[in-house]
Amino acid sequence: MNNLYISPLSDRYASKEMQYLFSKEFKIKTFRYLWTILADEERKLGLDISLEQVEELAAHIDDIDYQCIDDKEKEVLHDVMANIYAYGVKCPKAKKIIHLGATSCYVDDNADTIAISKANKIILSKLIQVMKNLRRFVIKYKDLPCLGYTHLQPAQLVTLGKRFSLTLYNLYLDYEHLSYFDDNLLPLSCKGATGTLASFLDLFDGDKKKAFALDRNIAKRMGFKRSLPVSGQTYTRKIDAEFLNTLASLASSCAKFAFDLRLLQSFMEVEEPFEKKQVGSSAMPYKRNPMRSERINGLARYVISLAMNGELTASEQFLERTLDDSSNRRLSISEAYLASDAILNIMINVTDNLVVNKKIIQKHVFEKLPFIASENIMMEACKKGGDRQVLHEKIRQYSSLAIQDVKDGKENKLLTLIMEDKDFHLTKEEIEKLLDPQKFTGLASEQVTSLLEDYIDPLLKRRKAKKIEVKMEH
């Protein structure tokens, strides 16, 4: 048993597929893939590199001696050089041309870009599943009246579907933002020590076209249409900031949903799933704590806090490069994606299994409906000749009495007081006709339909038709 510290994101929360993208194995294999395509493209452009050497590199991408790498890094204190050495041991014929003309950032930054691109695909795919789950939910409950709240105080009615459409639209915005940044993600490719391609220009004896072609061809081999137009030694850290901010935005949307669900579960209206043998509390056996939603909120708070790292790192890069970004990025980028992945895993589970207690929802609606309907009652009474100012004052007084009764644990008698007052000219039957909850939800149902037709369904259709895989030629 390993008694050393293991991140909870690996041990408890994030998926294996997301963990792999930020693993040592994926990084080393990606380094080797990048060295292989660099050698191959240099060969095609006329450098003294043989096809046999390229094939040797390709044949040993997965043949990793981790101990050799670790031992060499302890000696040279440089992870890229340690990897070059270990790869050279496996590829003696190609040893001398590994990393030819490149800097560490050629493998570091390009490997990060590939990992980020693939991580985005996982996030977007899981986000789509959450949206599909919520789409089903809002359709099913778009007409179910429920008590609305402003300032967490009872307000006008909404529908349950409309309420959860707020989260659905938030997630739609997050998808569009992340998708945009991912679609426009460009790699560093091979820019050299200060981003000028000087080393490659020298290798090609001053042939500018070949130097630019190498940069362009490497990007295409990585799965991108082109490379960054300019860079220092690294790609601009604004790219990291964009993704960290977008993940933080996604986390805030999920957190808002989780907070709402925790409130609704305390009202017993809507609950997250609860397994048959699940334990809600170690002390109170009857409890059904919303632990999934609470976990979303905790992880979301962490992701949101990581967004600052991207902006600070981007702002503090000296001239063509400095190294204070490296240690921070190893933590912030991987952790943000792992935590976001964990959040979406929980979101998929919760949104697919929400429990709705209709009778509780209806009970709460009818407890407050007399107050909500008071304006409609006043208008109907005015139609029968009532004095609007007089009726308004009476309703104010009766409401105060009724609210106090409710606070004292008594029945809400507002409607009884109105029915007994001859100034309203309304019978019991006439008042009861005004108490249909559907009359107080406005255009909530139509708004849900419009959201789906104008935004969600077109997105799902585009998504289905879009090719999303970034392939690597291992």
Protein backbone atom coordinates (compact mmCIF):
# COMPACT_ATOMS: atom_id res chain seq x y z
CA MET A 1 0.00 0.00 0.00
CA ASN A 2 1.31 3.45 -0.94
CA ASN A 3 1.20 5.66 2.14
CA LEU A 4 2.44 8.77 0.36
CA TYR A 5 0.13 11.65 -0.47
CA ILE A 6 -2.15 11.14 -3.47
CA SER A 7 -4.28 13.97 -4.82
CA PRO A 8 -8.00 13.37 -4.10
CA LEU A 9 -8.62 14.35 -7.72
CA SER A 10 -6.82 11.17 -8.75
CA ASP A 11 -7.84 8.99 -5.83
CA ARG A 12 -11.53 9.93 -5.61
CA TYR A 13 -12.92 12.29 -8.19
CA ALA A 14 -11.55 12.60 -11.75
CA SER A 15 -12.03 10.02 -14.49
CA LYS A 16 -9.23 7.73 -15.65
CA GLU A 17 -9.33 9.22 -19.13
CA MET A 18 -8.73 12.74 -17.82
CA GLN A 19 -6.06 11.58 -15.40
CA TYR A 20 -4.19 9.89 -18.25
CA LEU A 21 -3.92 13.12 -20.24
CA PHE A 22 -1.89 14.66 -17.43
CA SER A 23 0.04 11.53 -16.56
CA LYS A 24 3.77 10.94 -16.87
CA GLU A 25 3.15 8.24 -19.47
CA PHE A 26 1.10 10.49 -21.75
CA LYS A 27 3.65 13.28 -21.43
CA ILE A 28 6.62 11.09 -22.30
CA LYS A 29 4.85 9.42 -25.22
CA THR A 30 3.82 12.82 -26.53
CA PHE A 31 7.39 14.10 -26.20
CA ARG A 32 8.57 11.15 -28.27
CA TYR A 33 5.86 11.61 -30.85
CA LEU A 34 6.88 15.26 -31.21
CA TRP A 35 10.55 14.32 -31.62
CA THR A 36 9.56 11.74 -34.22
CA ILE A 37 7.56 14.14 -36.36
CA LEU A 38 10.24 16.82 -35.99
CA ALA A 39 12.86 14.44 -37.37
CA ASP A 40 10.54 13.23 -40.10
CA GLU A 41 9.63 16.73 -41.28
CA GLU A 42 13.28 17.82 -41.15
CA ARG A 43 14.13 14.76 -43.25
CA LYS A 44 11.46 15.61 -45.82
CA LEU A 45 12.85 19.14 -46.08
CA GLY A 46 16.33 17.87 -46.88
CA LEU A 47 18.29 17.51 -43.64
CA ASP A 48 20.68 14.58 -43.25
CA ILE A 49 18.22 12.34 -41.43
CA SER A 50 17.39 8.88 -42.72
CA LEU A 51 14.01 7.19 -42.90
CA GLU A 52 15.56 4.38 -40.85
CA GLN A 53 16.25 6.82 -38.01
CA VAL A 54 12.69 8.16 -38.10
CA GLU A 55 11.27 4.62 -38.09
CA GLU A 56 13.45 3.73 -35.12
CA LEU A 57 12.07 6.73 -33.21
CA ALA A 58 8.50 5.78 -34.11
CA ALA A 59 9.03 2.16 -33.07
CA HIS A 60 10.12 3.13 -29.54
CA ILE A 61 7.52 5.78 -28.64
CA ASP A 62 5.82 3.38 -26.20
CA ASP A 63 9.03 1.67 -25.05
CA ILE A 64 9.68 3.72 -21.91
CA ASP A 65 12.30 3.02 -19.25
CA TYR A 66 11.01 5.17 -16.41
CA GLN A 67 13.89 4.30 -14.10
CA CYS A 68 16.39 5.45 -16.68
CA ILE A 69 14.59 8.78 -17.02
CA ASP A 70 14.36 9.28 -13.25
CA ASP A 71 18.00 8.43 -12.67
CA LYS A 72 19.18 10.76 -15.43
CA GLU A 73 17.01 13.63 -14.20
CA LYS A 74 18.52 13.33 -10.71
CA GLU A 75 21.92 13.68 -12.37
CA VAL A 76 21.27 16.53 -14.83
CA LEU A 77 18.33 18.22 -13.06
CA HIS A 78 16.54 18.73 -16.39
CA ASP A 79 13.52 16.62 -17.28
CA VAL A 80 13.64 17.19 -21.05
CA MET A 81 17.34 16.31 -21.26
CA ALA A 82 16.68 13.21 -19.17
CA ASN A 83 13.97 12.17 -21.62
CA ILE A 84 16.23 12.83 -24.61
CA TYR A 85 18.91 10.62 -23.05
CA ALA A 86 16.49 7.74 -22.26
CA TYR A 87 14.99 7.91 -25.74
CA GLY A 88 18.49 7.84 -27.24
CA VAL A 89 19.31 4.69 -25.30
CA LYS A 90 16.34 3.01 -26.97
CA CYS A 91 17.14 4.54 -30.38
CA PRO A 92 20.94 4.39 -30.86
CA LYS A 93 20.76 5.04 -34.62
CA ALA A 94 18.62 8.14 -34.16
CA LYS A 95 20.22 9.34 -30.94
CA LYS A 96 22.25 12.12 -32.51
CA ILE A 97 19.29 13.76 -34.31
CA ILE A 98 16.75 13.72 -31.47
CA HIS A 99 15.58 17.28 -30.62
CA LEU A 100 17.58 18.74 -33.53
CA GLY A 101 17.20 22.53 -33.56
CA ALA A 102 14.55 22.51 -30.84
CA THR A 103 14.27 23.93 -27.33
CA SER A 104 12.60 22.33 -24.32
CA CYS A 105 9.46 24.30 -25.04
CA TYR A 106 9.11 22.49 -28.35
CA VAL A 107 8.11 19.36 -26.44
CA ASP A 108 6.83 20.95 -23.22
CA ASP A 109 4.47 23.50 -24.77
CA ASN A 110 3.32 21.35 -27.66
CA ALA A 111 2.64 18.43 -25.34
CA ASP A 112 0.64 20.75 -23.10
CA THR A 113 -1.34 22.01 -26.08
CA ILE A 114 -2.19 18.47 -27.15
CA ALA A 115 -3.23 17.56 -23.60
CA ILE A 116 -5.36 20.71 -23.27
CA SER A 117 -6.99 20.08 -26.64
CA LYS A 118 -7.88 16.50 -25.72
CA ALA A 119 -9.00 17.55 -22.24
CA ASN A 120 -11.31 20.12 -23.80
CA LYS A 121 -12.91 17.36 -25.88
CA ILE A 122 -13.65 15.37 -22.73
CA ILE A 123 -15.08 18.41 -20.95
CA LEU A 124 -17.24 19.38 -23.94
CA SER A 125 -18.51 15.83 -24.37
CA LYS A 126 -19.54 15.55 -20.73
CA LEU A 127 -21.03 19.02 -20.77
CA ILE A 128 -23.23 17.98 -23.68
CA GLN A 129 -24.47 15.00 -21.67
CA VAL A 130 -25.39 17.26 -18.75
CA MET A 131 -27.26 19.53 -21.16
CA LYS A 132 -29.13 16.56 -22.66
CA ASN A 133 -30.17 15.46 -19.18
CA LEU A 134 -31.39 18.94 -18.28
CA ARG A 135 -33.16 19.25 -21.63
CA ARG A 136 -35.25 16.19 -20.80
CA PHE A 137 -35.98 17.58 -17.36
CA VAL A 138 -37.09 21.04 -18.44
CA ILE A 139 -39.38 19.58 -21.12
CA LYS A 140 -40.98 17.22 -18.61
CA TYR A 141 -41.61 19.96 -16.04
CA LYS A 142 -42.00 23.08 -18.18
CA ASP A 143 -45.68 23.37 -17.17
CA LEU A 144 -45.39 22.44 -13.48
CA PRO A 145 -46.04 25.58 -11.37
CA CYS A 146 -43.76 26.10 -8.39
CA LEU A 147 -43.14 28.89 -5.96
CA GLY A 148 -40.64 31.41 -7.26
CA TYR A 149 -38.19 33.23 -5.02
CA THR A 150 -36.45 36.58 -5.15
CA HIS A 151 -34.04 37.42 -2.30
CA LEU A 152 -34.91 33.86 -1.18
CA GLN A 153 -38.35 35.16 -0.26
CA PRO A 154 -41.56 33.80 -1.87
CA ALA A 155 -42.37 35.70 -5.07
CA GLN A 156 -44.46 35.07 -8.18
CA LEU A 157 -44.84 31.56 -9.49
CA VAL A 158 -42.53 30.05 -12.09
CA THR A 159 -42.49 26.53 -13.48
CA LEU A 160 -40.00 23.89 -12.45
CA GLY A 161 -38.82 23.51 -16.02
CA LYS A 162 -38.28 27.26 -16.36
CA ARG A 163 -36.28 27.34 -13.13
CA PHE A 164 -33.84 24.69 -14.35
CA SER A 165 -33.68 26.26 -17.80
CA LEU A 166 -31.57 28.98 -16.14
CA THR A 167 -28.82 26.44 -15.54
CA LEU A 168 -29.29 24.98 -19.02
CA TYR A 169 -28.70 28.38 -20.61
CA ASN A 170 -25.67 29.04 -18.39
CA LEU A 171 -24.17 25.75 -19.55
CA TYR A 172 -24.97 26.63 -23.15
CA LEU A 173 -22.91 29.82 -22.78
CA ASP A 174 -20.06 27.85 -21.19
CA TYR A 175 -20.11 25.34 -24.03
CA GLU A 176 -19.97 28.05 -26.67
CA HIS A 177 -17.09 29.82 -24.95
CA LEU A 178 -15.01 26.69 -24.40
CA SER A 179 -15.78 25.43 -27.89
CA TYR A 180 -14.69 28.74 -29.41
CA PHE A 181 -11.37 28.76 -27.59
CA ASP A 182 -10.78 25.10 -28.42
CA ASP A 183 -11.59 25.61 -32.11
CA ASN A 184 -9.08 28.47 -32.22
CA LEU A 185 -6.36 26.77 -30.19
CA LEU A 186 -3.00 26.89 -31.98
CA PRO A 187 0.25 25.17 -31.01
CA LEU A 188 3.67 26.70 -30.55
CA SER A 189 5.09 24.25 -33.12
CA CYS A 190 8.86 24.87 -33.61
CA LYS A 191 9.77 28.51 -33.05
CA GLY A 192 13.22 28.16 -31.47
CA ALA A 193 14.86 29.74 -28.43
CA THR A 194 13.32 33.21 -28.74
CA GLY A 195 10.52 32.49 -31.19
CA THR A 196 12.40 33.58 -34.32
CA LEU A 197 13.06 30.14 -35.88
CA ALA A 198 16.76 31.13 -35.98
CA SER A 199 18.07 27.63 -35.22
CA PHE A 200 15.97 26.09 -37.98
CA LEU A 201 16.90 28.83 -40.42
CA ASP A 202 20.52 27.93 -39.70
CA LEU A 203 19.88 24.19 -40.21
CA PHE A 204 18.35 24.94 -43.61
CA ASP A 205 21.26 27.20 -44.61
CA GLY A 206 19.16 30.35 -44.57
CA ASP A 207 16.23 28.91 -46.55
CA LYS A 208 13.29 30.86 -45.09
CA LYS A 209 10.68 28.86 -46.93
CA LYS A 210 11.90 25.60 -45.43
CA ALA A 211 12.02 27.06 -41.91
CA PHE A 212 8.44 28.33 -42.20
CA ALA A 213 7.37 25.05 -43.83
CA LEU A 214 8.77 23.06 -40.92
CA ASP A 215 6.84 25.17 -38.44
CA ARG A 216 3.66 24.82 -40.47
CA ASN A 217 4.05 21.07 -41.11
CA ILE A 218 4.70 20.24 -37.46
CA ALA A 219 1.44 21.97 -36.51
CA LYS A 220 -0.47 19.95 -39.09
CA ARG A 221 1.08 16.71 -37.88
CA MET A 222 -0.15 17.63 -34.40
CA GLY A 223 -3.68 17.93 -35.76
CA PHE A 224 -3.94 21.72 -36.12
CA LYS A 225 -4.44 23.84 -39.23
CA ARG A 226 -1.55 26.17 -38.41
CA SER A 227 0.73 27.31 -35.60
CA LEU A 228 0.82 30.50 -33.56
CA PRO A 229 1.85 33.47 -35.73
CA VAL A 230 4.29 34.81 -33.12
CA SER A 231 5.71 33.68 -29.81
CA GLY A 232 8.62 34.02 -27.48
CA GLN A 233 10.25 30.79 -26.45
CA THR A 234 6.85 29.68 -25.11
CA TYR A 235 3.36 30.08 -26.42
CA THR A 236 1.61 33.07 -24.92
CA ARG A 237 0.34 32.18 -21.46
CA LYS A 238 -2.82 34.10 -22.30
CA ILE A 239 -3.95 30.80 -23.80
CA ASP A 240 -3.76 29.11 -20.40
CA ALA A 241 -5.60 32.04 -18.86
CA GLU A 242 -8.41 31.74 -21.42
CA PHE A 243 -9.00 28.09 -20.63
CA LEU A 244 -8.67 28.47 -16.88
CA ASN A 245 -11.18 31.34 -16.92
CA THR A 246 -13.58 29.35 -19.08
CA LEU A 247 -13.33 26.34 -16.76
CA ALA A 248 -13.96 28.68 -13.82
CA SER A 249 -17.06 29.99 -15.59
CA LEU A 250 -18.28 26.45 -16.13
CA ALA A 251 -17.61 25.69 -12.48
CA SER A 252 -19.67 28.71 -11.41
CA SER A 253 -22.62 27.52 -13.53
CA CYS A 254 -22.47 24.07 -11.96
CA ALA A 255 -22.11 25.61 -8.51
CA LYS A 256 -25.22 27.75 -9.04
CA PHE A 257 -27.15 24.62 -10.00
CA ALA A 258 -25.85 22.77 -6.93
CA PHE A 259 -26.70 25.63 -4.57
CA ASP A 260 -30.21 25.79 -6.01
CA LEU A 261 -30.65 22.05 -5.62
CA ARG A 262 -29.46 22.16 -2.03
CA LEU A 263 -32.05 24.82 -1.28
CA LEU A 264 -34.81 22.89 -3.01
CA GLN A 265 -33.83 19.71 -1.20
CA SER A 266 -34.12 21.55 2.10
CA PHE A 267 -37.65 22.53 0.98
CA MET A 268 -38.21 18.83 0.06
CA GLU A 269 -39.29 19.87 -3.46
CA VAL A 270 -36.47 18.48 -5.61
CA GLU A 271 -33.74 16.11 -4.44
CA GLU A 272 -30.54 14.68 -5.78
CA PRO A 273 -30.49 10.85 -6.12
CA PHE A 274 -30.07 8.81 -2.95
CA GLU A 275 -28.96 5.19 -3.21
CA LYS A 276 -30.68 2.39 -1.28
CA LYS A 277 -27.71 1.72 0.99
CA GLN A 278 -26.36 5.26 1.03
CA VAL A 279 -25.64 6.72 4.47
CA GLY A 280 -26.67 10.36 4.87
CA SER A 281 -25.11 11.04 8.26
CA SER A 282 -22.89 9.11 10.66
CA ALA A 283 -24.85 10.56 13.60
CA MET A 284 -28.41 10.96 12.27
CA PRO A 285 -29.59 7.86 10.35
CA TYR A 286 -32.69 9.58 8.94
CA LYS A 287 -30.78 12.29 7.11
CA ARG A 288 -30.44 12.50 3.31
CA ASN A 289 -27.76 15.13 2.93
CA PRO A 290 -27.21 16.52 -0.60
CA MET A 291 -23.59 15.38 -0.61
CA ARG A 292 -23.23 15.29 -4.40
CA SER A 293 -24.31 18.92 -4.72
CA GLU A 294 -22.08 19.88 -1.82
CA ARG A 295 -19.16 18.17 -3.55
CA ILE A 296 -19.89 20.13 -6.73
CA ASN A 297 -19.79 23.35 -4.74
CA GLY A 298 -16.52 22.43 -3.05
CA LEU A 299 -14.78 21.43 -6.27
CA ALA A 300 -16.19 24.44 -8.13
CA ARG A 301 -14.78 26.79 -5.52
CA TYR A 302 -11.38 25.21 -6.13
CA VAL A 303 -11.58 25.54 -9.93
CA ILE A 304 -12.67 29.16 -9.66
CA SER A 305 -9.69 29.90 -7.39
CA LEU A 306 -7.30 28.45 -10.00
CA ALA A 307 -8.37 30.98 -12.64
CA MET A 308 -6.22 33.65 -11.00
CA ASN A 309 -3.12 31.55 -11.66
CA GLY A 310 -3.50 31.87 -15.41
CA GLU A 311 -3.81 35.64 -15.39
CA LEU A 312 -0.94 36.10 -12.93
CA THR A 313 1.33 33.79 -14.91
CA ALA A 314 0.48 35.48 -18.21
CA SER A 315 1.20 38.91 -16.74
CA GLU A 316 4.58 37.97 -15.27
CA GLN A 317 6.38 36.48 -18.26
CA PHE A 318 9.58 38.48 -18.74
CA LEU A 319 10.27 39.44 -22.35
CA GLU A 320 10.78 36.26 -24.44
CA ARG A 321 10.44 33.88 -21.48
CA THR A 322 11.03 33.17 -17.80
CA LEU A 323 10.68 29.94 -15.86
CA ASP A 324 8.40 30.92 -13.01
CA ASP A 325 5.47 29.70 -15.09
CA SER A 326 6.55 26.06 -15.13
CA SER A 327 5.93 24.95 -11.54
CA ASN A 328 2.64 26.84 -11.37
CA ARG A 329 1.31 25.48 -14.68
CA ARG A 330 2.11 21.89 -13.69
CA LEU A 331 -0.40 22.34 -10.90
CA SER A 332 -3.02 24.81 -12.09
CA ILE A 333 -3.73 23.46 -15.58
CA SER A 334 -3.90 19.78 -14.70
CA GLU A 335 -5.82 20.35 -11.47
CA ALA A 336 -8.34 22.65 -13.15
CA TYR A 337 -9.13 20.05 -15.80
CA LEU A 338 -9.23 17.16 -13.34
CA ALA A 339 -11.54 19.06 -10.98
CA SER A 340 -13.77 20.23 -13.86
CA ASP A 341 -14.00 16.65 -15.06
CA ALA A 342 -14.99 15.54 -11.56
CA ILE A 343 -17.68 18.22 -11.37
CA LEU A 344 -19.20 17.13 -14.68
CA ASN A 345 -19.14 13.47 -13.65
CA ILE A 346 -21.28 14.38 -10.65
CA MET A 347 -23.48 16.70 -12.73
CA ILE A 348 -24.21 13.86 -15.17
CA ASN A 349 -25.26 11.59 -12.32
CA VAL A 350 -27.40 14.17 -10.54
CA THR A 351 -29.18 15.64 -13.58
CA ASP A 352 -30.05 12.18 -14.85
CA ASN A 353 -31.69 11.14 -11.59
CA LEU A 354 -33.35 14.20 -10.04
CA VAL A 355 -36.25 13.39 -7.74
CA VAL A 356 -39.29 15.70 -7.94
CA ASN A 357 -41.84 15.74 -5.12
CA LYS A 358 -44.89 17.20 -6.87
CA LYS A 359 -47.18 17.13 -3.86
CA ILE A 360 -44.74 19.13 -1.75
CA ILE A 361 -44.33 21.63 -4.58
CA GLN A 362 -48.12 21.98 -4.91
CA LYS A 363 -48.49 22.33 -1.14
CA HIS A 364 -46.04 25.22 -1.07
CA VAL A 365 -47.74 26.84 -4.07
CA PHE A 366 -51.18 26.78 -2.45
CA GLU A 367 -49.82 28.04 0.86
CA LYS A 368 -48.68 31.25 -0.84
CA LEU A 369 -51.19 31.46 -3.68
CA PRO A 370 -53.74 33.54 -1.74
CA PHE A 371 -51.15 36.32 -1.36
CA ILE A 372 -49.94 35.97 -4.95
CA ALA A 373 -53.52 36.05 -6.27
CA SER A 374 -54.56 39.07 -4.23
CA GLU A 375 -53.93 41.54 -7.08
CA ASN A 376 -55.99 39.43 -9.50
CA ILE A 377 -58.78 39.25 -6.92
CA MET A 378 -58.67 43.01 -6.48
CA MET A 379 -58.92 43.57 -10.26
CA GLU A 380 -61.87 41.19 -10.54
CA ALA A 381 -63.62 42.97 -7.68
CA CYS A 382 -63.05 46.33 -9.39
CA LYS A 383 -64.76 44.97 -12.50
CA LYS A 384 -67.84 44.48 -10.33
CA GLY A 385 -67.82 48.06 -9.16
CA GLY A 386 -65.40 47.95 -6.26
CA ASP A 387 -63.26 50.95 -5.28
CA ARG A 388 -59.65 50.06 -6.11
CA GLN A 389 -58.16 52.19 -3.30
CA VAL A 390 -60.51 50.83 -0.67
CA LEU A 391 -59.94 47.23 -1.78
CA HIS A 392 -56.17 47.68 -1.85
CA GLU A 393 -56.15 48.90 1.75
CA LYS A 394 -58.38 46.05 2.89
CA ILE A 395 -56.19 43.44 1.22
CA ARG A 396 -53.15 45.00 2.89
CA GLN A 397 -54.82 44.75 6.29
CA TYR A 398 -56.17 41.24 5.72
CA SER A 399 -52.77 40.06 4.47
CA SER A 400 -51.09 41.31 7.62
CA LEU A 401 -53.59 39.42 9.76
CA ALA A 402 -53.21 36.27 7.64
CA ILE A 403 -49.41 36.38 7.73
CA GLN A 404 -49.45 36.68 11.51
CA ASP A 405 -51.80 33.71 11.74
CA VAL A 406 -49.46 31.65 9.57
CA LYS A 407 -46.52 32.64 11.77
CA ASP A 408 -48.55 31.55 14.80
CA GLY A 409 -49.10 28.15 13.19
CA LYS A 410 -52.72 28.84 12.24
CA GLU A 411 -54.46 28.45 8.89
CA ASN A 412 -54.11 31.15 6.22
CA LYS A 413 -57.48 32.91 6.35
CA LEU A 414 -56.86 35.64 3.75
CA LEU A 415 -59.38 34.24 1.25
CA THR A 416 -61.99 33.75 3.98
CA LEU A 417 -61.68 37.39 5.05
CA ILE A 418 -62.05 38.55 1.44
CA MET A 419 -65.05 36.30 0.77
CA GLU A 420 -66.80 37.60 3.89
CA ASP A 421 -66.26 41.25 2.89
CA LYS A 422 -69.20 42.50 0.82
CA ASP A 423 -67.08 45.30 -0.70
CA PHE A 424 -65.41 42.69 -2.94
CA HIS A 425 -68.68 41.44 -4.46
CA LEU A 426 -67.11 38.00 -5.11
CA THR A 427 -68.49 34.55 -4.31
CA LYS A 428 -66.39 31.61 -3.15
CA GLU A 429 -66.70 29.98 -6.56
CA GLU A 430 -65.57 33.15 -8.35
CA ILE A 431 -62.50 33.45 -6.13
CA GLU A 432 -61.58 29.79 -6.52
CA LYS A 433 -61.61 30.21 -10.32
CA LEU A 434 -58.91 32.86 -9.89
CA LEU A 435 -56.67 30.43 -7.98
CA ASP A 436 -55.51 28.25 -10.87
CA PRO A 437 -51.68 28.21 -10.47
CA GLN A 438 -51.21 28.03 -14.26
CA LYS A 439 -52.59 31.58 -14.51
CA PHE A 440 -49.65 32.91 -12.47
CA THR A 441 -46.66 31.44 -14.35
CA GLY A 442 -46.63 34.00 -17.16
CA LEU A 443 -44.82 32.77 -20.28
CA ALA A 444 -42.57 30.33 -18.40
CA SER A 445 -43.58 27.33 -20.51
CA GLU A 446 -43.13 29.23 -23.77
CA GLN A 447 -39.72 30.49 -22.64
CA VAL A 448 -38.53 26.93 -22.09
CA THR A 449 -39.72 25.96 -25.56
CA SER A 450 -37.99 28.97 -27.13
CA LEU A 451 -34.72 28.22 -25.35
CA LEU A 452 -34.70 24.68 -26.66
CA GLU A 453 -35.73 25.55 -30.20
CA ASP A 454 -33.48 28.59 -30.65
CA TYR A 455 -30.36 27.58 -28.70
CA ILE A 456 -30.10 24.09 -27.23
CA ASP A 457 -31.39 21.94 -30.09
CA PRO A 458 -29.33 23.74 -32.78
CA LEU A 459 -26.24 23.27 -30.59
CA LEU A 460 -26.93 19.57 -30.12
CA LYS A 461 -27.45 19.20 -33.86
CA ARG A 462 -24.17 21.00 -34.63
CA ARG A 463 -22.37 18.94 -32.05
CA LYS A 464 -23.60 15.68 -33.58
CA ALA A 465 -22.33 16.70 -37.00
CA LYS A 466 -19.00 18.07 -35.80
CA LYS A 467 -15.79 16.05 -35.90
CA ILE A 468 -14.27 16.48 -32.44
CA GLU A 469 -11.35 14.07 -32.22
CA VAL A 470 -7.78 15.37 -32.35
CA LYS A 471 -5.74 12.41 -33.59
CA MET A 472 -2.07 11.77 -32.98
CA GLU A 473 -0.06 9.70 -35.41
CA HIS A 474 1.60 7.38 -32.89
